[in-house]
Amino acid sequence: MSTEEMISVDYEIFGRVQGVFFRKYTQAEGKKLGLVGWVQNTEAGTVQGQFQGPSNKVRQMQDWLKSTGSPKSQIIKAEFKNEKNVKSLDHSTFKIVRS
């Protein structure tokens, strides 16, 4: 039985995503799915970060970021890039990075 492939994805979320606890909810969802990575606000008013883990959990996180987010957020667009297979995880937890 093969171990499930682990992947890494960078993301940036556009819309009303700052000042609505988006980072806190993203961190909680990532941890719930067993992913590791980080999330931070940008000066451009977006939220960006990276997450890593089993590909099926990464897909669930992508769907969550595209359609759910935090209760008061309004997501206009979710961009995912630099998707790649990883042999080991670069992070030990899912953290909020303060700029």
PDB file of N, CA and C in Angstrom:
ATOM      1  N   MET A   1       0.849  -1.193   0.000  1.00  0.00           N
ATOM      2  CA  MET A   1       0.000   0.000   0.000  1.00  0.00           C
ATOM      3  C   MET A   1       0.884   1.242   0.000  1.00  0.00           C
ATOM      4  N   SER A   2       0.639   2.115  -0.947  1.00  0.00           N
ATOM      5  CA  SER A   2       1.496   3.299  -1.059  1.00  0.00           C
ATOM      6  C   SER A   2       1.024   4.383  -0.098  1.00  0.00           C
ATOM      7  N   THR A   3       1.982   5.132   0.413  1.00  0.00           N
ATOM      8  CA  THR A   3       1.601   6.247   1.281  1.00  0.00           C
ATOM      9  C   THR A   3       1.082   7.357   0.381  1.00  0.00           C
ATOM     10  N   GLU A   4       0.113   8.062   0.853  1.00  0.00           N
ATOM     11  CA  GLU A   4      -0.490   9.118   0.040  1.00  0.00           C
ATOM     12  C   GLU A   4       0.512  10.230  -0.213  1.00  0.00           C
ATOM     13  N   GLU A   5       0.459  10.775  -1.425  1.00  0.00           N
ATOM     14  CA  GLU A   5       1.423  11.829  -1.743  1.00  0.00           C
ATOM     15  C   GLU A   5       1.136  13.092  -0.937  1.00  0.00           C
ATOM     16  N   MET A   6       2.221  13.722  -0.522  1.00  0.00           N
ATOM     17  CA  MET A   6       2.141  14.981   0.210  1.00  0.00           C
ATOM     18  C   MET A   6       2.426  16.094  -0.787  1.00  0.00           C
ATOM     19  N   ILE A   7       1.622  17.149  -0.718  1.00  0.00           N
ATOM     20  CA  ILE A   7       1.849  18.268  -1.616  1.00  0.00           C
ATOM     21  C   ILE A   7       1.900  19.575  -0.849  1.00  0.00           C
ATOM     22  N   SER A   8       2.487  20.551  -1.491  1.00  0.00           N
ATOM     23  CA  SER A   8       2.627  21.894  -0.939  1.00  0.00           C
ATOM     24  C   SER A   8       1.987  22.863  -1.924  1.00  0.00           C
ATOM     25  N   VAL A   9       1.216  23.821  -1.411  1.00  0.00           N
ATOM     26  CA  VAL A   9       0.551  24.815  -2.258  1.00  0.00           C
ATOM     27  C   VAL A   9       0.650  26.193  -1.604  1.00  0.00           C
ATOM     28  N   ASP A  10       0.977  27.193  -2.411  1.00  0.00           N
ATOM     29  CA  ASP A  10       0.929  28.587  -1.965  1.00  0.00           C
ATOM     30  C   ASP A  10      -0.439  29.148  -2.344  1.00  0.00           C
ATOM     31  N   TYR A  11      -0.944  30.072  -1.549  1.00  0.00           N
ATOM     32  CA  TYR A  11      -2.262  30.634  -1.848  1.00  0.00           C
ATOM     33  C   TYR A  11      -2.313  32.112  -1.530  1.00  0.00           C
ATOM     34  N   GLU A  12      -3.242  32.797  -2.215  1.00  0.00           N
ATOM     35  CA  GLU A  12      -3.554  34.190  -1.911  1.00  0.00           C
ATOM     36  C   GLU A  12      -5.059  34.360  -2.107  1.00  0.00           C
ATOM     37  N   ILE A  13      -5.704  34.971  -1.111  1.00  0.00           N
ATOM     38  CA  ILE A  13      -7.151  35.126  -1.124  1.00  0.00           C
ATOM     39  C   ILE A  13      -7.489  36.611  -1.223  1.00  0.00           C
ATOM     40  N   PHE A  14      -8.356  36.938  -2.167  1.00  0.00           N
ATOM     41  CA  PHE A  14      -8.752  38.321  -2.434  1.00  0.00           C
ATOM     42  C   PHE A  14     -10.193  38.544  -1.995  1.00  0.00           C
ATOM     43  N   GLY A  15     -10.499  39.758  -1.563  1.00  0.00           N
ATOM     44  CA  GLY A  15     -11.856  40.112  -1.142  1.00  0.00           C
ATOM     45  C   GLY A  15     -11.823  40.781   0.213  1.00  0.00           C
ATOM     46  N   ARG A  16     -12.923  40.654   0.938  1.00  0.00           N
ATOM     47  CA  ARG A  16     -12.966  41.213   2.299  1.00  0.00           C
ATOM     48  C   ARG A  16     -12.461  40.126   3.241  1.00  0.00           C
ATOM     49  N   VAL A  17     -11.138  40.103   3.406  1.00  0.00           N
ATOM     50  CA  VAL A  17     -10.521  39.006   4.155  1.00  0.00           C
ATOM     51  C   VAL A  17      -9.624  39.485   5.299  1.00  0.00           C
ATOM     52  N   GLN A  18      -9.560  40.797   5.499  1.00  0.00           N
ATOM     53  CA  GLN A  18      -8.811  41.315   6.645  1.00  0.00           C
ATOM     54  C   GLN A  18      -9.794  41.967   7.616  1.00  0.00           C
ATOM     55  N   GLY A  19      -9.498  41.813   8.914  1.00  0.00           N
ATOM     56  CA  GLY A  19     -10.382  42.375   9.930  1.00  0.00           C
ATOM     57  C   GLY A  19     -11.644  41.552  10.136  1.00  0.00           C
ATOM     58  N   VAL A  20     -11.658  40.324   9.628  1.00  0.00           N
ATOM     59  CA  VAL A  20     -12.835  39.448   9.761  1.00  0.00           C
ATOM     60  C   VAL A  20     -12.428  38.066  10.300  1.00  0.00           C
ATOM     61  N   PHE A  21     -11.299  38.035  11.028  1.00  0.00           N
ATOM     62  CA  PHE A  21     -10.789  36.807  11.652  1.00  0.00           C
ATOM     63  C   PHE A  21     -10.466  35.702  10.636  1.00  0.00           C
ATOM     64  N   PHE A  22     -10.148  36.132   9.403  1.00  0.00           N
ATOM     65  CA  PHE A  22      -9.874  35.147   8.343  1.00  0.00           C
ATOM     66  C   PHE A  22      -8.665  34.278   8.678  1.00  0.00           C
ATOM     67  N   ARG A  23      -7.614  34.897   9.200  1.00  0.00           N
ATOM     68  CA  ARG A  23      -6.403  34.124   9.529  1.00  0.00           C
ATOM     69  C   ARG A  23      -6.689  33.086  10.610  1.00  0.00           C
ATOM     70  N   LYS A  24      -7.446  33.498  11.632  1.00  0.00           N
ATOM     71  CA  LYS A  24      -7.762  32.590  12.740  1.00  0.00           C
ATOM     72  C   LYS A  24      -8.567  31.378  12.249  1.00  0.00           C
ATOM     73  N   TYR A  25      -9.563  31.637  11.407  1.00  0.00           N
ATOM     74  CA  TYR A  25     -10.377  30.539  10.872  1.00  0.00           C
ATOM     75  C   TYR A  25      -9.571  29.660   9.921  1.00  0.00           C
ATOM     76  N   THR A  26      -8.688  30.284   9.133  1.00  0.00           N
ATOM     77  CA  THR A  26      -7.840  29.511   8.214  1.00  0.00           C
ATOM     78  C   THR A  26      -6.917  28.594   9.004  1.00  0.00           C
ATOM     79  N   GLN A  27      -6.324  29.131  10.063  1.00  0.00           N
ATOM     80  CA  GLN A  27      -5.453  28.320  10.917  1.00  0.00           C
ATOM     81  C   GLN A  27      -6.245  27.153  11.522  1.00  0.00           C
ATOM     82  N   ALA A  28      -7.437  27.418  12.027  1.00  0.00           N
ATOM     83  CA  ALA A  28      -8.249  26.379  12.655  1.00  0.00           C
ATOM     84  C   ALA A  28      -8.637  25.296  11.655  1.00  0.00           C
ATOM     85  N   GLU A  29      -9.011  25.707  10.443  1.00  0.00           N
ATOM     86  CA  GLU A  29      -9.407  24.736   9.414  1.00  0.00           C
ATOM     87  C   GLU A  29      -8.211  23.892   8.983  1.00  0.00           C
ATOM     88  N   GLY A  30      -7.055  24.555   8.820  1.00  0.00           N
ATOM     89  CA  GLY A  30      -5.843  23.822   8.450  1.00  0.00           C
ATOM     90  C   GLY A  30      -5.486  22.776   9.486  1.00  0.00           C
ATOM     91  N   LYS A  31      -5.551  23.160  10.756  1.00  0.00           N
ATOM     92  CA  LYS A  31      -5.238  22.213  11.836  1.00  0.00           C
ATOM     93  C   LYS A  31      -6.253  21.079  11.883  1.00  0.00           C
ATOM     94  N   LYS A  32      -7.534  21.407  11.663  1.00  0.00           N
ATOM     95  CA  LYS A  32      -8.586  20.389  11.685  1.00  0.00           C
ATOM     96  C   LYS A  32      -8.328  19.333  10.605  1.00  0.00           C
ATOM     97  N   LEU A  33      -7.825  19.780   9.453  1.00  0.00           N
ATOM     98  CA  LEU A  33      -7.548  18.865   8.346  1.00  0.00           C
ATOM     99  C   LEU A  33      -6.189  18.172   8.489  1.00  0.00           C
ATOM    100  N   GLY A  34      -5.425  18.562   9.510  1.00  0.00           N
ATOM    101  CA  GLY A  34      -4.112  17.947   9.705  1.00  0.00           C
ATOM    102  C   GLY A  34      -3.035  18.502   8.792  1.00  0.00           C
ATOM    103  N   LEU A  35      -3.252  19.717   8.291  1.00  0.00           N
ATOM    104  CA  LEU A  35      -2.256  20.350   7.423  1.00  0.00           C
ATOM    105  C   LEU A  35      -1.297  21.201   8.248  1.00  0.00           C
ATOM    106  N   VAL A  36      -0.146  21.490   7.674  1.00  0.00           N
ATOM    107  CA  VAL A  36       0.805  22.421   8.283  1.00  0.00           C
ATOM    108  C   VAL A  36       1.019  23.564   7.303  1.00  0.00           C
ATOM    109  N   GLY A  37       1.473  24.702   7.825  1.00  0.00           N
ATOM    110  CA  GLY A  37       1.723  25.844   6.959  1.00  0.00           C
ATOM    111  C   GLY A  37       1.606  27.140   7.718  1.00  0.00           C
ATOM    112  N   TRP A  38       1.227  28.193   6.989  1.00  0.00           N
ATOM    113  CA  TRP A  38       1.136  29.507   7.608  1.00  0.00           C
ATOM    114  C   TRP A  38       0.146  30.374   6.846  1.00  0.00           C
ATOM    115  N   VAL A  39      -0.269  31.458   7.499  1.00  0.00           N
ATOM    116  CA  VAL A  39      -1.189  32.423   6.909  1.00  0.00           C
ATOM    117  C   VAL A  39      -0.821  33.814   7.419  1.00  0.00           C
ATOM    118  N   GLN A  40      -0.912  34.823   6.554  1.00  0.00           N
ATOM    119  CA  GLN A  40      -0.631  36.199   6.978  1.00  0.00           C
ATOM    120  C   GLN A  40      -1.401  37.186   6.116  1.00  0.00           C
ATOM    121  N   ASN A  41      -1.623  38.380   6.677  1.00  0.00           N
ATOM    122  CA  ASN A  41      -2.191  39.489   5.921  1.00  0.00           C
ATOM    123  C   ASN A  41      -1.104  40.098   5.052  1.00  0.00           C
ATOM    124  N   THR A  42      -1.506  40.686   3.932  1.00  0.00           N
ATOM    125  CA  THR A  42      -0.551  41.415   3.096  1.00  0.00           C
ATOM    126  C   THR A  42      -0.908  42.901   3.115  1.00  0.00           C
ATOM    127  N   GLU A  43       0.038  43.722   2.695  1.00  0.00           N
ATOM    128  CA  GLU A  43      -0.215  45.166   2.630  1.00  0.00           C
ATOM    129  C   GLU A  43      -1.241  45.487   1.561  1.00  0.00           C
ATOM    130  N   ALA A  44      -1.429  44.578   0.609  1.00  0.00           N
ATOM    131  CA  ALA A  44      -2.382  44.801  -0.484  1.00  0.00           C
ATOM    132  C   ALA A  44      -3.822  44.491  -0.071  1.00  0.00           C
ATOM    133  N   GLY A  45      -4.005  44.045   1.184  1.00  0.00           N
ATOM    134  CA  GLY A  45      -5.352  43.763   1.657  1.00  0.00           C
ATOM    135  C   GLY A  45      -5.809  42.333   1.412  1.00  0.00           C
ATOM    136  N   THR A  46      -4.874  41.494   0.990  1.00  0.00           N
ATOM    137  CA  THR A  46      -5.200  40.085   0.770  1.00  0.00           C
ATOM    138  C   THR A  46      -4.670  39.253   1.938  1.00  0.00           C
ATOM    139  N   VAL A  47      -4.956  37.966   1.892  1.00  0.00           N
ATOM    140  CA  VAL A  47      -4.384  37.017   2.845  1.00  0.00           C
ATOM    141  C   VAL A  47      -3.616  35.996   2.023  1.00  0.00           C
ATOM    142  N   GLN A  48      -2.391  35.686   2.469  1.00  0.00           N
ATOM    143  CA  GLN A  48      -1.586  34.729   1.725  1.00  0.00           C
ATOM    144  C   GLN A  48      -0.960  33.722   2.667  1.00  0.00           C
ATOM    145  N   GLY A  49      -0.435  32.669   2.086  1.00  0.00           N
ATOM    146  CA  GLY A  49       0.242  31.667   2.893  1.00  0.00           C
ATOM    147  C   GLY A  49       0.583  30.431   2.095  1.00  0.00           C
ATOM    148  N   GLN A  50       0.811  29.362   2.832  1.00  0.00           N
ATOM    149  CA  GLN A  50       1.184  28.084   2.233  1.00  0.00           C
ATOM    150  C   GLN A  50       0.625  26.986   3.117  1.00  0.00           C
ATOM    151  N   PHE A  51       0.206  25.898   2.522  1.00  0.00           N
ATOM    152  CA  PHE A  51      -0.125  24.725   3.332  1.00  0.00           C
ATOM    153  C   PHE A  51       0.401  23.476   2.659  1.00  0.00           C
ATOM    154  N   GLN A  52       0.668  22.485   3.495  1.00  0.00           N
ATOM    155  CA  GLN A  52       1.245  21.227   3.045  1.00  0.00           C
ATOM    156  C   GLN A  52       0.557  20.073   3.760  1.00  0.00           C
ATOM    157  N   GLY A  53       0.436  18.964   3.062  1.00  0.00           N
ATOM    158  CA  GLY A  53      -0.140  17.772   3.658  1.00  0.00           C
ATOM    159  C   GLY A  53      -0.614  16.812   2.589  1.00  0.00           C
ATOM    160  N   PRO A  54      -1.399  15.803   2.991  1.00  0.00           N
ATOM    161  CA  PRO A  54      -1.914  14.829   2.035  1.00  0.00           C
ATOM    162  C   PRO A  54      -2.774  15.521   0.977  1.00  0.00           C
ATOM    163  N   SER A  55      -2.640  15.089  -0.275  1.00  0.00           N
ATOM    164  CA  SER A  55      -3.299  15.797  -1.372  1.00  0.00           C
ATOM    165  C   SER A  55      -4.815  15.918  -1.192  1.00  0.00           C
ATOM    166  N   ASN A  56      -5.478  14.889  -0.648  1.00  0.00           N
ATOM    167  CA  ASN A  56      -6.939  14.990  -0.490  1.00  0.00           C
ATOM    168  C   ASN A  56      -7.308  16.058   0.535  1.00  0.00           C
ATOM    169  N   LYS A  57      -6.492  16.221   1.587  1.00  0.00           N
ATOM    170  CA  LYS A  57      -6.753  17.249   2.603  1.00  0.00           C
ATOM    171  C   LYS A  57      -6.443  18.640   2.043  1.00  0.00           C
ATOM    172  N   VAL A  58      -5.406  18.720   1.205  1.00  0.00           N
ATOM    173  CA  VAL A  58      -5.074  19.997   0.560  1.00  0.00           C
ATOM    174  C   VAL A  58      -6.234  20.443  -0.328  1.00  0.00           C
ATOM    175  N   ARG A  59      -6.834  19.499  -1.061  1.00  0.00           N
ATOM    176  CA  ARG A  59      -7.990  19.830  -1.926  1.00  0.00           C
ATOM    177  C   ARG A  59      -9.161  20.351  -1.085  1.00  0.00           C
ATOM    178  N   GLN A  60      -9.393  19.728   0.075  1.00  0.00           N
ATOM    179  CA  GLN A  60     -10.475  20.191   0.948  1.00  0.00           C
ATOM    180  C   GLN A  60     -10.206  21.611   1.430  1.00  0.00           C
ATOM    181  N   MET A  61      -8.940  21.895   1.749  1.00  0.00           N
ATOM    182  CA  MET A  61      -8.567  23.237   2.223  1.00  0.00           C
ATOM    183  C   MET A  61      -8.746  24.256   1.096  1.00  0.00           C
ATOM    184  N   GLN A  62      -8.390  23.875  -0.128  1.00  0.00           N
ATOM    185  CA  GLN A  62      -8.569  24.784  -1.263  1.00  0.00           C
ATOM    186  C   GLN A  62     -10.051  25.112  -1.449  1.00  0.00           C
ATOM    187  N   ASP A  63     -10.906  24.104  -1.364  1.00  0.00           N
ATOM    188  CA  ASP A  63     -12.347  24.338  -1.497  1.00  0.00           C
ATOM    189  C   ASP A  63     -12.842  25.266  -0.398  1.00  0.00           C
ATOM    190  N   TRP A  64     -12.353  25.038   0.824  1.00  0.00           N
ATOM    191  CA  TRP A  64     -12.766  25.867   1.964  1.00  0.00           C
ATOM    192  C   TRP A  64     -12.358  27.323   1.738  1.00  0.00           C
ATOM    193  N   LEU A  65     -11.125  27.533   1.258  1.00  0.00           N
ATOM    194  CA  LEU A  65     -10.643  28.897   1.022  1.00  0.00           C
ATOM    195  C   LEU A  65     -11.390  29.581  -0.119  1.00  0.00           C
ATOM    196  N   LYS A  66     -11.834  28.810  -1.104  1.00  0.00           N
ATOM    197  CA  LYS A  66     -12.559  29.383  -2.235  1.00  0.00           C
ATOM    198  C   LYS A  66     -13.989  29.758  -1.871  1.00  0.00           C
ATOM    199  N   SER A  67     -14.608  28.977  -0.993  1.00  0.00           N
ATOM    200  CA  SER A  67     -16.050  29.119  -0.824  1.00  0.00           C
ATOM    201  C   SER A  67     -16.517  29.456   0.587  1.00  0.00           C
ATOM    202  N   THR A  68     -15.692  29.237   1.604  1.00  0.00           N
ATOM    203  CA  THR A  68     -16.178  29.381   2.978  1.00  0.00           C
ATOM    204  C   THR A  68     -15.495  30.531   3.705  1.00  0.00           C
ATOM    205  N   GLY A  69     -14.252  30.328   4.102  1.00  0.00           N
ATOM    206  CA  GLY A  69     -13.532  31.373   4.838  1.00  0.00           C
ATOM    207  C   GLY A  69     -14.154  31.621   6.197  1.00  0.00           C
ATOM    208  N   SER A  70     -13.929  32.806   6.742  1.00  0.00           N
ATOM    209  CA  SER A  70     -14.515  33.146   8.040  1.00  0.00           C
ATOM    210  C   SER A  70     -15.933  33.668   7.812  1.00  0.00           C
ATOM    211  N   PRO A  71     -16.776  33.622   8.855  1.00  0.00           N
ATOM    212  CA  PRO A  71     -18.196  33.991   8.677  1.00  0.00           C
ATOM    213  C   PRO A  71     -18.445  35.367   8.068  1.00  0.00           C
ATOM    214  N   LYS A  72     -17.616  36.363   8.398  1.00  0.00           N
ATOM    215  CA  LYS A  72     -17.856  37.717   7.890  1.00  0.00           C
ATOM    216  C   LYS A  72     -17.047  38.047   6.633  1.00  0.00           C
ATOM    217  N   SER A  73     -16.258  37.101   6.163  1.00  0.00           N
ATOM    218  CA  SER A  73     -15.430  37.378   4.984  1.00  0.00           C
ATOM    219  C   SER A  73     -16.272  37.332   3.713  1.00  0.00           C
ATOM    220  N   GLN A  74     -15.773  38.010   2.691  1.00  0.00           N
ATOM    221  CA  GLN A  74     -16.360  37.938   1.354  1.00  0.00           C
ATOM    222  C   GLN A  74     -15.219  37.632   0.393  1.00  0.00           C
ATOM    223  N   ILE A  75     -15.180  36.394  -0.071  1.00  0.00           N
ATOM    224  CA  ILE A  75     -14.081  35.948  -0.928  1.00  0.00           C
ATOM    225  C   ILE A  75     -14.428  36.242  -2.378  1.00  0.00           C
ATOM    226  N   ILE A  76     -13.573  37.027  -3.029  1.00  0.00           N
ATOM    227  CA  ILE A  76     -13.766  37.340  -4.443  1.00  0.00           C
ATOM    228  C   ILE A  76     -13.027  36.318  -5.300  1.00  0.00           C
ATOM    229  N   LYS A  77     -11.804  35.997  -4.881  1.00  0.00           N
ATOM    230  CA  LYS A  77     -10.971  35.113  -5.698  1.00  0.00           C
ATOM    231  C   LYS A  77      -9.959  34.419  -4.799  1.00  0.00           C
ATOM    232  N   ALA A  78      -9.686  33.162  -5.117  1.00  0.00           N
ATOM    233  CA  ALA A  78      -8.632  32.409  -4.432  1.00  0.00           C
ATOM    234  C   ALA A  78      -7.645  31.927  -5.487  1.00  0.00           C
ATOM    235  N   GLU A  79      -6.391  32.295  -5.325  1.00  0.00           N
ATOM    236  CA  GLU A  79      -5.353  31.876  -6.272  1.00  0.00           C
ATOM    237  C   GLU A  79      -4.441  30.863  -5.596  1.00  0.00           C
ATOM    238  N   PHE A  80      -4.153  29.784  -6.305  1.00  0.00           N
ATOM    239  CA  PHE A  80      -3.245  28.757  -5.798  1.00  0.00           C
ATOM    240  C   PHE A  80      -2.112  28.594  -6.803  1.00  0.00           C
ATOM    241  N   LYS A  81      -0.888  28.550  -6.294  1.00  0.00           N
ATOM    242  CA  LYS A  81       0.244  28.411  -7.213  1.00  0.00           C
ATOM    243  C   LYS A  81       1.371  27.633  -6.547  1.00  0.00           C
ATOM    244  N   ASN A  82       2.379  27.321  -7.344  1.00  0.00           N
ATOM    245  CA  ASN A  82       3.573  26.595  -6.879  1.00  0.00           C
ATOM    246  C   ASN A  82       3.225  25.257  -6.237  1.00  0.00           C
ATOM    247  N   GLU A  83       2.202  24.587  -6.791  1.00  0.00           N
ATOM    248  CA  GLU A  83       1.871  23.275  -6.241  1.00  0.00           C
ATOM    249  C   GLU A  83       2.968  22.281  -6.611  1.00  0.00           C
ATOM    250  N   LYS A  84       3.416  21.543  -5.602  1.00  0.00           N
ATOM    251  CA  LYS A  84       4.473  20.564  -5.867  1.00  0.00           C
ATOM    252  C   LYS A  84       4.401  19.427  -4.858  1.00  0.00           C
ATOM    253  N   ASN A  85       4.908  18.280  -5.272  1.00  0.00           N
ATOM    254  CA  ASN A  85       5.015  17.146  -4.356  1.00  0.00           C
ATOM    255  C   ASN A  85       6.173  17.403  -3.408  1.00  0.00           C
ATOM    256  N   VAL A  86       6.001  17.014  -2.158  1.00  0.00           N
ATOM    257  CA  VAL A  86       7.081  17.157  -1.180  1.00  0.00           C
ATOM    258  C   VAL A  86       7.277  15.813  -0.488  1.00  0.00           C
ATOM    259  N   LYS A  87       8.546  15.527  -0.207  1.00  0.00           N
ATOM    260  CA  LYS A  87       8.859  14.277   0.490  1.00  0.00           C
ATOM    261  C   LYS A  87       8.670  14.425   1.996  1.00  0.00           C
ATOM    262  N   SER A  88       8.945  15.641   2.480  1.00  0.00           N
ATOM    263  CA  SER A  88       8.756  15.898   3.911  1.00  0.00           C
ATOM    264  C   SER A  88       8.156  17.292   4.068  1.00  0.00           C
ATOM    265  N   LEU A  89       7.538  17.526   5.211  1.00  0.00           N
ATOM    266  CA  LEU A  89       6.865  18.799   5.461  1.00  0.00           C
ATOM    267  C   LEU A  89       7.862  19.841   5.959  1.00  0.00           C
ATOM    268  N   ASP A  90       7.705  21.067   5.488  1.00  0.00           N
ATOM    269  CA  ASP A  90       8.611  22.162   5.875  1.00  0.00           C
ATOM    270  C   ASP A  90       8.179  22.834   7.169  1.00  0.00           C
ATOM    271  N   HIS A  91       6.976  22.540   7.632  1.00  0.00           N
ATOM    272  CA  HIS A  91       6.440  23.195   8.823  1.00  0.00           C
ATOM    273  C   HIS A  91       6.009  22.130   9.822  1.00  0.00           C
ATOM    274  N   SER A  92       5.965  22.499  11.089  1.00  0.00           N
ATOM    275  CA  SER A  92       5.548  21.531  12.112  1.00  0.00           C
ATOM    276  C   SER A  92       4.131  21.798  12.587  1.00  0.00           C
ATOM    277  N   THR A  93       3.599  22.975  12.269  1.00  0.00           N
ATOM    278  CA  THR A  93       2.262  23.349  12.710  1.00  0.00           C
ATOM    279  C   THR A  93       1.659  24.290  11.681  1.00  0.00           C
ATOM    280  N   PHE A  94       0.493  24.822  11.971  1.00  0.00           N
ATOM    281  CA  PHE A  94      -0.137  25.812  11.093  1.00  0.00           C
ATOM    282  C   PHE A  94      -0.180  27.113  11.880  1.00  0.00           C
ATOM    283  N   LYS A  95       0.595  28.087  11.438  1.00  0.00           N
ATOM    284  CA  LYS A  95       0.721  29.288  12.274  1.00  0.00           C
ATOM    285  C   LYS A  95       0.269  30.555  11.545  1.00  0.00           C
ATOM    286  N   ILE A  96      -0.107  31.528  12.379  1.00  0.00           N
ATOM    287  CA  ILE A  96      -0.433  32.854  11.876  1.00  0.00           C
ATOM    288  C   ILE A  96       0.836  33.683  11.951  1.00  0.00           C
ATOM    289  N   VAL A  97       1.238  34.234  10.812  1.00  0.00           N
ATOM    290  CA  VAL A  97       2.435  35.081  10.755  1.00  0.00           C
ATOM    291  C   VAL A  97       1.973  36.521  10.887  1.00  0.00           C
ATOM    292  N   ARG A  98       2.510  37.219  11.860  1.00  0.00           N
ATOM    293  CA  ARG A  98       2.183  38.647  12.047  1.00  0.00           C
ATOM    294  C   ARG A  98       3.174  39.466  11.226  1.00  0.00           C
ATOM    295  N   SER A  99       2.666  40.396  10.423  1.00  0.00           N
ATOM    296  CA  SER A  99       3.588  41.179   9.598  1.00  0.00           C
ATOM    297  C   SER A  99       4.246  42.266  10.408  1.00  0.00           C
TER     298      SER A  99
END
